[in-house]
Amino acid sequence: MSELFDMPSDLQNTYLGLVALHLREALIPVLAGLLVALPVAQLCVRVRWLYAPVLWVTTVLYAIPSLAFFVILIDYTGLSELTVMIPLAVYSLVVLVPAIVDGVRSVPQETLAAATAMGFGPVRRYVQVQLPIAAPAIIAGLRVACVSSVSLVSVGMLIGNAGALGNLLNSGMIYHQPRLIWLSVVGTAVLAILVDAVLIGLRVLLTPWMPRGTRKNSRTLAVKEAAR
């Protein structure tokens, strides 16, 4: 069994080490993208005409192939993890900005008026009122961004050993070892599923009223239908 996870010496890493590297290269860019998207989205909510240009810019950036991004960045960041992570952070904006804007805009005006009447300023109202209510939409965007990022990290194999599990694809083809290819494909898929499951669990913890309310309403409707 241990032979299954034996790595070629040129990778200079164990299989678990590649998994950890893959998670780091995938999740840090999404976190950076979230930190950028939060203030940008709030600005788009307050200045409505700004939303369309911002969405256009993020969409155009998303359309740039990752390999072209790597070629541009190599002169500045070299063959490093940063060369892979910067494009992933930029790509996450096309998902996160609309998700946050839609979530914040869904907050009822009555709720905002009540928060203002209680003395909440714009920043405090945004952090303590709007973001918690918008949490389901934001986490939905995070799920898409994280899964996409986990899959795109493998492209980093094209610029050296920065592709984490994706490096196993290259090694598998060079050494004619299908075992390495399967470890890369299955490992990446499992990581994406696990990250998505963690975010679903986070949504349940942050918005306990949603699933419980849904179940309760479903049970109530079922009881009423049965009574009829």
C-alpha atoms as a PDB file:
ATOM      1  CA  MET A   1       0.000   0.000   0.000  1.00  0.00           C
ATOM      2  CA  SER A   2       2.859   2.381   0.809  1.00  0.00           C
ATOM      3  CA  GLU A   3       4.252   1.870  -2.709  1.00  0.00           C
ATOM      4  CA  LEU A   4       1.061   3.400  -4.108  1.00  0.00           C
ATOM      5  CA  PHE A   5       1.977   6.767  -2.585  1.00  0.00           C
ATOM      6  CA  ASP A   6       5.709   6.672  -3.393  1.00  0.00           C
ATOM      7  CA  MET A   7       6.630   9.928  -5.135  1.00  0.00           C
ATOM      8  CA  PRO A   8       9.384  10.480  -7.742  1.00  0.00           C
ATOM      9  CA  SER A   9      12.460  12.086  -6.228  1.00  0.00           C
ATOM     10  CA  ASP A  10      12.309  15.082  -8.592  1.00  0.00           C
ATOM     11  CA  LEU A  11       9.085  16.267  -6.926  1.00  0.00           C
ATOM     12  CA  GLN A  12      10.960  16.691  -3.638  1.00  0.00           C
ATOM     13  CA  ASN A  13       7.776  16.102  -1.663  1.00  0.00           C
ATOM     14  CA  THR A  14       5.576  13.407  -0.180  1.00  0.00           C
ATOM     15  CA  TYR A  15       2.003  12.824  -1.303  1.00  0.00           C
ATOM     16  CA  LEU A  16       0.615  14.481   1.827  1.00  0.00           C
ATOM     17  CA  GLY A  17       3.018  17.347   1.259  1.00  0.00           C
ATOM     18  CA  LEU A  18       1.603  17.817  -2.243  1.00  0.00           C
ATOM     19  CA  VAL A  19      -1.931  17.744  -0.836  1.00  0.00           C
ATOM     20  CA  ALA A  20      -1.046  20.455   1.683  1.00  0.00           C
ATOM     21  CA  LEU A  21       0.641  22.509  -1.047  1.00  0.00           C
ATOM     22  CA  HIS A  22      -2.414  22.112  -3.271  1.00  0.00           C
ATOM     23  CA  LEU A  23      -4.743  23.361  -0.544  1.00  0.00           C
ATOM     24  CA  ARG A  24      -2.479  26.305   0.221  1.00  0.00           C
ATOM     25  CA  GLU A  25      -2.213  27.357  -3.412  1.00  0.00           C
ATOM     26  CA  ALA A  26      -5.976  26.981  -3.909  1.00  0.00           C
ATOM     27  CA  LEU A  27      -7.444  28.525  -0.754  1.00  0.00           C
ATOM     28  CA  ILE A  28      -5.130  31.478  -0.069  1.00  0.00           C
ATOM     29  CA  PRO A  29      -6.032  33.107  -3.423  1.00  0.00           C
ATOM     30  CA  VAL A  30      -9.746  32.722  -2.694  1.00  0.00           C
ATOM     31  CA  LEU A  31      -9.255  34.308   0.730  1.00  0.00           C
ATOM     32  CA  ALA A  32      -7.347  37.181  -0.889  1.00  0.00           C
ATOM     33  CA  GLY A  33     -10.083  37.521  -3.491  1.00  0.00           C
ATOM     34  CA  LEU A  34     -12.712  37.651  -0.738  1.00  0.00           C
ATOM     35  CA  LEU A  35     -10.839  40.430   1.085  1.00  0.00           C
ATOM     36  CA  VAL A  36     -10.779  42.437  -2.147  1.00  0.00           C
ATOM     37  CA  ALA A  37     -14.355  41.587  -3.159  1.00  0.00           C
ATOM     38  CA  LEU A  38     -15.972  42.683   0.130  1.00  0.00           C
ATOM     39  CA  PRO A  39     -15.162  46.415  -0.116  1.00  0.00           C
ATOM     40  CA  VAL A  40     -15.554  46.427  -3.921  1.00  0.00           C
ATOM     41  CA  ALA A  41     -19.007  44.834  -3.653  1.00  0.00           C
ATOM     42  CA  GLN A  42     -20.093  47.290  -0.967  1.00  0.00           C
ATOM     43  CA  LEU A  43     -18.962  50.148  -3.200  1.00  0.00           C
ATOM     44  CA  CYS A  44     -21.014  48.675  -6.048  1.00  0.00           C
ATOM     45  CA  VAL A  45     -24.056  48.472  -3.761  1.00  0.00           C
ATOM     46  CA  ARG A  46     -23.728  52.107  -2.698  1.00  0.00           C
ATOM     47  CA  VAL A  47     -22.845  53.395  -6.190  1.00  0.00           C
ATOM     48  CA  ARG A  48     -25.138  51.358  -8.443  1.00  0.00           C
ATOM     49  CA  TRP A  49     -23.743  52.537 -11.790  1.00  0.00           C
ATOM     50  CA  LEU A  50     -20.322  51.198 -10.806  1.00  0.00           C
ATOM     51  CA  TYR A  51     -21.483  47.566 -10.699  1.00  0.00           C
ATOM     52  CA  ALA A  52     -21.632  47.052 -14.477  1.00  0.00           C
ATOM     53  CA  PRO A  53     -18.073  48.330 -15.173  1.00  0.00           C
ATOM     54  CA  VAL A  54     -16.643  46.305 -12.260  1.00  0.00           C
ATOM     55  CA  LEU A  55     -18.415  43.171 -13.485  1.00  0.00           C
ATOM     56  CA  TRP A  56     -17.103  43.815 -16.994  1.00  0.00           C
ATOM     57  CA  VAL A  57     -13.517  44.172 -15.761  1.00  0.00           C
ATOM     58  CA  THR A  58     -13.649  40.980 -13.665  1.00  0.00           C
ATOM     59  CA  THR A  59     -15.172  39.067 -16.573  1.00  0.00           C
ATOM     60  CA  VAL A  60     -12.464  40.254 -18.975  1.00  0.00           C
ATOM     61  CA  LEU A  61      -9.752  39.270 -16.475  1.00  0.00           C
ATOM     62  CA  TYR A  62     -11.385  35.859 -16.051  1.00  0.00           C
ATOM     63  CA  ALA A  63     -11.254  35.375 -19.821  1.00  0.00           C
ATOM     64  CA  ILE A  64      -7.438  35.641 -19.833  1.00  0.00           C
ATOM     65  CA  PRO A  65      -6.003  32.094 -20.068  1.00  0.00           C
ATOM     66  CA  SER A  66      -4.074  31.044 -16.989  1.00  0.00           C
ATOM     67  CA  LEU A  67      -1.011  30.148 -19.063  1.00  0.00           C
ATOM     68  CA  ALA A  68      -0.891  33.682 -20.485  1.00  0.00           C
ATOM     69  CA  PHE A  69      -1.178  35.042 -16.938  1.00  0.00           C
ATOM     70  CA  PHE A  70       1.766  32.850 -15.886  1.00  0.00           C
ATOM     71  CA  VAL A  71       3.930  34.086 -18.771  1.00  0.00           C
ATOM     72  CA  ILE A  72       3.253  37.713 -17.821  1.00  0.00           C
ATOM     73  CA  LEU A  73       3.954  37.151 -14.119  1.00  0.00           C
ATOM     74  CA  ILE A  74       7.070  34.985 -14.444  1.00  0.00           C
ATOM     75  CA  ASP A  75       9.235  38.047 -15.112  1.00  0.00           C
ATOM     76  CA  TYR A  76       8.109  39.539 -11.792  1.00  0.00           C
ATOM     77  CA  THR A  77       7.442  36.586  -9.470  1.00  0.00           C
ATOM     78  CA  GLY A  78       9.571  33.838 -11.041  1.00  0.00           C
ATOM     79  CA  LEU A  79       8.721  30.131 -10.990  1.00  0.00           C
ATOM     80  CA  SER A  80       7.049  30.354  -7.591  1.00  0.00           C
ATOM     81  CA  GLU A  81       3.721  29.622  -5.935  1.00  0.00           C
ATOM     82  CA  LEU A  82       2.878  33.313  -6.181  1.00  0.00           C
ATOM     83  CA  THR A  83       2.826  33.045  -9.974  1.00  0.00           C
ATOM     84  CA  VAL A  84       0.024  30.490  -9.645  1.00  0.00           C
ATOM     85  CA  MET A  85      -1.870  32.159  -6.814  1.00  0.00           C
ATOM     86  CA  ILE A  86      -2.199  35.672  -8.280  1.00  0.00           C
ATOM     87  CA  PRO A  87      -4.299  34.569 -11.307  1.00  0.00           C
ATOM     88  CA  LEU A  88      -6.455  32.382  -9.058  1.00  0.00           C
ATOM     89  CA  ALA A  89      -7.175  35.349  -6.789  1.00  0.00           C
ATOM     90  CA  VAL A  90      -8.129  37.445  -9.818  1.00  0.00           C
ATOM     91  CA  TYR A  91     -10.352  34.678 -11.221  1.00  0.00           C
ATOM     92  CA  SER A  92     -12.229  34.379  -7.913  1.00  0.00           C
ATOM     93  CA  LEU A  93     -13.446  37.990  -8.205  1.00  0.00           C
ATOM     94  CA  VAL A  94     -15.766  37.163 -11.098  1.00  0.00           C
ATOM     95  CA  VAL A  95     -17.709  34.861  -8.764  1.00  0.00           C
ATOM     96  CA  LEU A  96     -17.345  36.595  -5.408  1.00  0.00           C
ATOM     97  CA  VAL A  97     -18.232  40.176  -6.379  1.00  0.00           C
ATOM     98  CA  PRO A  98     -21.661  39.304  -7.883  1.00  0.00           C
ATOM     99  CA  ALA A  99     -22.393  36.882  -5.028  1.00  0.00           C
ATOM    100  CA  ILE A 100     -21.723  39.519  -2.376  1.00  0.00           C
ATOM    101  CA  VAL A 101     -23.584  42.256  -4.269  1.00  0.00           C
ATOM    102  CA  ASP A 102     -26.660  40.058  -4.731  1.00  0.00           C
ATOM    103  CA  GLY A 103     -26.542  38.937  -1.113  1.00  0.00           C
ATOM    104  CA  VAL A 104     -26.225  42.460   0.283  1.00  0.00           C
ATOM    105  CA  ARG A 105     -28.948  43.797  -1.994  1.00  0.00           C
ATOM    106  CA  SER A 106     -31.309  41.085  -0.745  1.00  0.00           C
ATOM    107  CA  VAL A 107     -31.275  42.574   2.760  1.00  0.00           C
ATOM    108  CA  PRO A 108     -34.732  44.130   3.412  1.00  0.00           C
ATOM    109  CA  GLN A 109     -34.839  47.921   3.595  1.00  0.00           C
ATOM    110  CA  GLU A 110     -36.793  47.639   6.857  1.00  0.00           C
ATOM    111  CA  THR A 111     -33.831  45.835   8.419  1.00  0.00           C
ATOM    112  CA  LEU A 112     -31.417  48.506   7.274  1.00  0.00           C
ATOM    113  CA  ALA A 113     -33.708  51.251   8.549  1.00  0.00           C
ATOM    114  CA  ALA A 114     -33.963  49.550  11.935  1.00  0.00           C
ATOM    115  CA  ALA A 115     -30.158  49.237  12.143  1.00  0.00           C
ATOM    116  CA  THR A 116     -29.759  52.900  11.260  1.00  0.00           C
ATOM    117  CA  ALA A 117     -32.322  53.872  13.888  1.00  0.00           C
ATOM    118  CA  MET A 118     -30.289  51.930  16.458  1.00  0.00           C
ATOM    119  CA  GLY A 119     -27.274  54.096  15.686  1.00  0.00           C
ATOM    120  CA  PHE A 120     -25.382  51.746  13.363  1.00  0.00           C
ATOM    121  CA  GLY A 121     -22.990  53.558  11.028  1.00  0.00           C
ATOM    122  CA  PRO A 122     -22.391  52.390   7.427  1.00  0.00           C
ATOM    123  CA  VAL A 123     -19.411  50.163   8.292  1.00  0.00           C
ATOM    124  CA  ARG A 124     -20.989  48.615  11.383  1.00  0.00           C
ATOM    125  CA  ARG A 125     -24.270  48.074   9.536  1.00  0.00           C
ATOM    126  CA  TYR A 126     -22.402  46.392   6.682  1.00  0.00           C
ATOM    127  CA  VAL A 127     -20.399  44.079   8.952  1.00  0.00           C
ATOM    128  CA  GLN A 128     -22.997  43.259  11.618  1.00  0.00           C
ATOM    129  CA  VAL A 129     -26.242  43.351   9.622  1.00  0.00           C
ATOM    130  CA  GLN A 130     -25.804  43.040   5.870  1.00  0.00           C
ATOM    131  CA  LEU A 131     -23.008  40.462   5.704  1.00  0.00           C
ATOM    132  CA  PRO A 132     -24.622  37.988   8.149  1.00  0.00           C
ATOM    133  CA  ILE A 133     -27.907  38.116   6.223  1.00  0.00           C
ATOM    134  CA  ALA A 134     -26.023  37.806   2.934  1.00  0.00           C
ATOM    135  CA  ALA A 135     -23.958  34.864   4.249  1.00  0.00           C
ATOM    136  CA  PRO A 136     -25.815  32.147   2.249  1.00  0.00           C
ATOM    137  CA  ALA A 137     -25.188  33.960  -1.060  1.00  0.00           C
ATOM    138  CA  ILE A 138     -21.569  34.709  -0.146  1.00  0.00           C
ATOM    139  CA  ILE A 139     -20.837  31.116   0.849  1.00  0.00           C
ATOM    140  CA  ALA A 140     -22.475  29.901  -2.364  1.00  0.00           C
ATOM    141  CA  GLY A 141     -20.006  32.085  -4.256  1.00  0.00           C
ATOM    142  CA  LEU A 142     -17.142  30.813  -2.124  1.00  0.00           C
ATOM    143  CA  ARG A 143     -18.092  27.223  -2.938  1.00  0.00           C
ATOM    144  CA  VAL A 144     -17.828  27.893  -6.669  1.00  0.00           C
ATOM    145  CA  ALA A 145     -14.604  29.892  -6.300  1.00  0.00           C
ATOM    146  CA  CYS A 146     -12.911  27.293  -4.069  1.00  0.00           C
ATOM    147  CA  VAL A 147     -13.786  24.286  -6.230  1.00  0.00           C
ATOM    148  CA  SER A 148     -12.664  26.153  -9.349  1.00  0.00           C
ATOM    149  CA  SER A 149      -9.423  27.166  -7.638  1.00  0.00           C
ATOM    150  CA  VAL A 150      -8.689  23.604  -6.508  1.00  0.00           C
ATOM    151  CA  SER A 151      -9.002  22.393 -10.093  1.00  0.00           C
ATOM    152  CA  LEU A 152      -6.969  25.237 -11.633  1.00  0.00           C
ATOM    153  CA  VAL A 153      -3.962  24.815  -9.329  1.00  0.00           C
ATOM    154  CA  SER A 154      -2.925  21.785 -11.384  1.00  0.00           C
ATOM    155  CA  VAL A 155      -2.185  24.059 -14.362  1.00  0.00           C
ATOM    156  CA  GLY A 156       0.810  25.289 -12.362  1.00  0.00           C
ATOM    157  CA  MET A 157       2.673  22.157 -13.437  1.00  0.00           C
ATOM    158  CA  LEU A 158       3.406  24.019 -16.674  1.00  0.00           C
ATOM    159  CA  ILE A 159       5.790  26.398 -14.878  1.00  0.00           C
ATOM    160  CA  GLY A 160       7.751  23.888 -12.807  1.00  0.00           C
ATOM    161  CA  ASN A 161       6.856  22.258  -9.502  1.00  0.00           C
ATOM    162  CA  ALA A 162       4.165  24.831  -8.624  1.00  0.00           C
ATOM    163  CA  GLY A 163       1.239  22.636  -9.661  1.00  0.00           C
ATOM    164  CA  ALA A 164       1.059  20.583  -6.438  1.00  0.00           C
ATOM    165  CA  LEU A 165      -0.993  17.476  -7.266  1.00  0.00           C
ATOM    166  CA  GLY A 166      -0.933  18.542 -10.912  1.00  0.00           C
ATOM    167  CA  ASN A 167       2.793  17.757 -10.974  1.00  0.00           C
ATOM    168  CA  LEU A 168       1.870  14.092 -10.673  1.00  0.00           C
ATOM    169  CA  LEU A 169       0.204  14.283 -14.093  1.00  0.00           C
ATOM    170  CA  ASN A 170       3.468  15.378 -15.676  1.00  0.00           C
ATOM    171  CA  SER A 171       5.494  12.816 -13.734  1.00  0.00           C
ATOM    172  CA  GLY A 172       3.051  10.052 -14.608  1.00  0.00           C
ATOM    173  CA  MET A 173       3.445  10.767 -18.322  1.00  0.00           C
ATOM    174  CA  ILE A 174       7.231  11.098 -18.138  1.00  0.00           C
ATOM    175  CA  TYR A 175       7.777   7.898 -16.140  1.00  0.00           C
ATOM    176  CA  HIS A 176       4.848   6.036 -17.743  1.00  0.00           C
ATOM    177  CA  GLN A 177       3.194   5.437 -14.379  1.00  0.00           C
ATOM    178  CA  PRO A 178      -0.619   5.594 -14.576  1.00  0.00           C
ATOM    179  CA  ARG A 179      -0.596   5.299 -10.771  1.00  0.00           C
ATOM    180  CA  LEU A 180       0.669   8.880 -10.469  1.00  0.00           C
ATOM    181  CA  ILE A 181      -1.960  10.170 -12.897  1.00  0.00           C
ATOM    182  CA  TRP A 182      -4.745   8.508 -10.922  1.00  0.00           C
ATOM    183  CA  LEU A 183      -3.353   9.880  -7.652  1.00  0.00           C
ATOM    184  CA  SER A 184      -3.463  13.369  -9.155  1.00  0.00           C
ATOM    185  CA  VAL A 185      -6.959  13.142 -10.646  1.00  0.00           C
ATOM    186  CA  VAL A 186      -8.615  11.370  -7.720  1.00  0.00           C
ATOM    187  CA  GLY A 187      -6.764  13.472  -5.124  1.00  0.00           C
ATOM    188  CA  THR A 188      -7.838  16.739  -6.763  1.00  0.00           C
ATOM    189  CA  ALA A 189     -11.456  15.585  -7.022  1.00  0.00           C
ATOM    190  CA  VAL A 190     -11.532  14.460  -3.380  1.00  0.00           C
ATOM    191  CA  LEU A 191     -10.023  17.768  -2.232  1.00  0.00           C
ATOM    192  CA  ALA A 192     -12.676  19.714  -4.149  1.00  0.00           C
ATOM    193  CA  ILE A 193     -15.461  17.625  -2.602  1.00  0.00           C
ATOM    194  CA  LEU A 194     -14.032  17.994   0.917  1.00  0.00           C
ATOM    195  CA  VAL A 195     -13.604  21.771   0.595  1.00  0.00           C
ATOM    196  CA  ASP A 196     -17.166  22.071  -0.692  1.00  0.00           C
ATOM    197  CA  ALA A 197     -18.447  19.944   2.203  1.00  0.00           C
ATOM    198  CA  VAL A 198     -16.615  22.132   4.730  1.00  0.00           C
ATOM    199  CA  LEU A 199     -18.212  25.259   3.256  1.00  0.00           C
ATOM    200  CA  ILE A 200     -21.651  23.646   3.403  1.00  0.00           C
ATOM    201  CA  GLY A 201     -21.030  22.877   7.066  1.00  0.00           C
ATOM    202  CA  LEU A 202     -19.915  26.476   7.604  1.00  0.00           C
ATOM    203  CA  ARG A 203     -23.127  27.736   6.027  1.00  0.00           C
ATOM    204  CA  VAL A 204     -25.181  25.543   8.336  1.00  0.00           C
ATOM    205  CA  LEU A 205     -23.296  26.890  11.361  1.00  0.00           C
ATOM    206  CA  LEU A 206     -23.560  30.531  10.311  1.00  0.00           C
ATOM    207  CA  THR A 207     -27.184  30.362   9.165  1.00  0.00           C
ATOM    208  CA  PRO A 208     -28.853  27.750  11.381  1.00  0.00           C
ATOM    209  CA  TRP A 209     -32.284  29.217  10.650  1.00  0.00           C
ATOM    210  CA  MET A 210     -32.126  28.249   6.966  1.00  0.00           C
ATOM    211  CA  PRO A 211     -31.960  24.452   7.039  1.00  0.00           C
ATOM    212  CA  ARG A 212     -34.100  24.163  10.150  1.00  0.00           C
ATOM    213  CA  GLY A 213     -36.700  26.489   8.748  1.00  0.00           C
ATOM    214  CA  THR A 214     -36.680  24.616   5.461  1.00  0.00           C
ATOM    215  CA  ARG A 215     -37.086  21.276   7.157  1.00  0.00           C
ATOM    216  CA  LYS A 216     -39.758  22.592   9.482  1.00  0.00           C
ATOM    217  CA  ASN A 217     -41.725  24.110   6.622  1.00  0.00           C
ATOM    218  CA  SER A 218     -41.382  20.925   4.598  1.00  0.00           C
ATOM    219  CA  ARG A 219     -42.630  18.820   7.503  1.00  0.00           C
ATOM    220  CA  THR A 220     -45.518  21.214   8.129  1.00  0.00           C
ATOM    221  CA  LEU A 221     -46.575  21.071   4.495  1.00  0.00           C
ATOM    222  CA  ALA A 222     -46.285  17.281   4.502  1.00  0.00           C
ATOM    223  CA  VAL A 223     -48.492  17.040   7.618  1.00  0.00           C
ATOM    224  CA  LYS A 224     -51.093  19.359   6.070  1.00  0.00           C
ATOM    225  CA  GLU A 225     -51.128  17.374   2.857  1.00  0.00           C
ATOM    226  CA  ALA A 226     -51.485  14.136   4.785  1.00  0.00           C
ATOM    227  CA  ALA A 227     -54.343  15.626   6.816  1.00  0.00           C
ATOM    228  CA  ARG A 228     -56.190  16.486   3.613  1.00  0.00           C
END
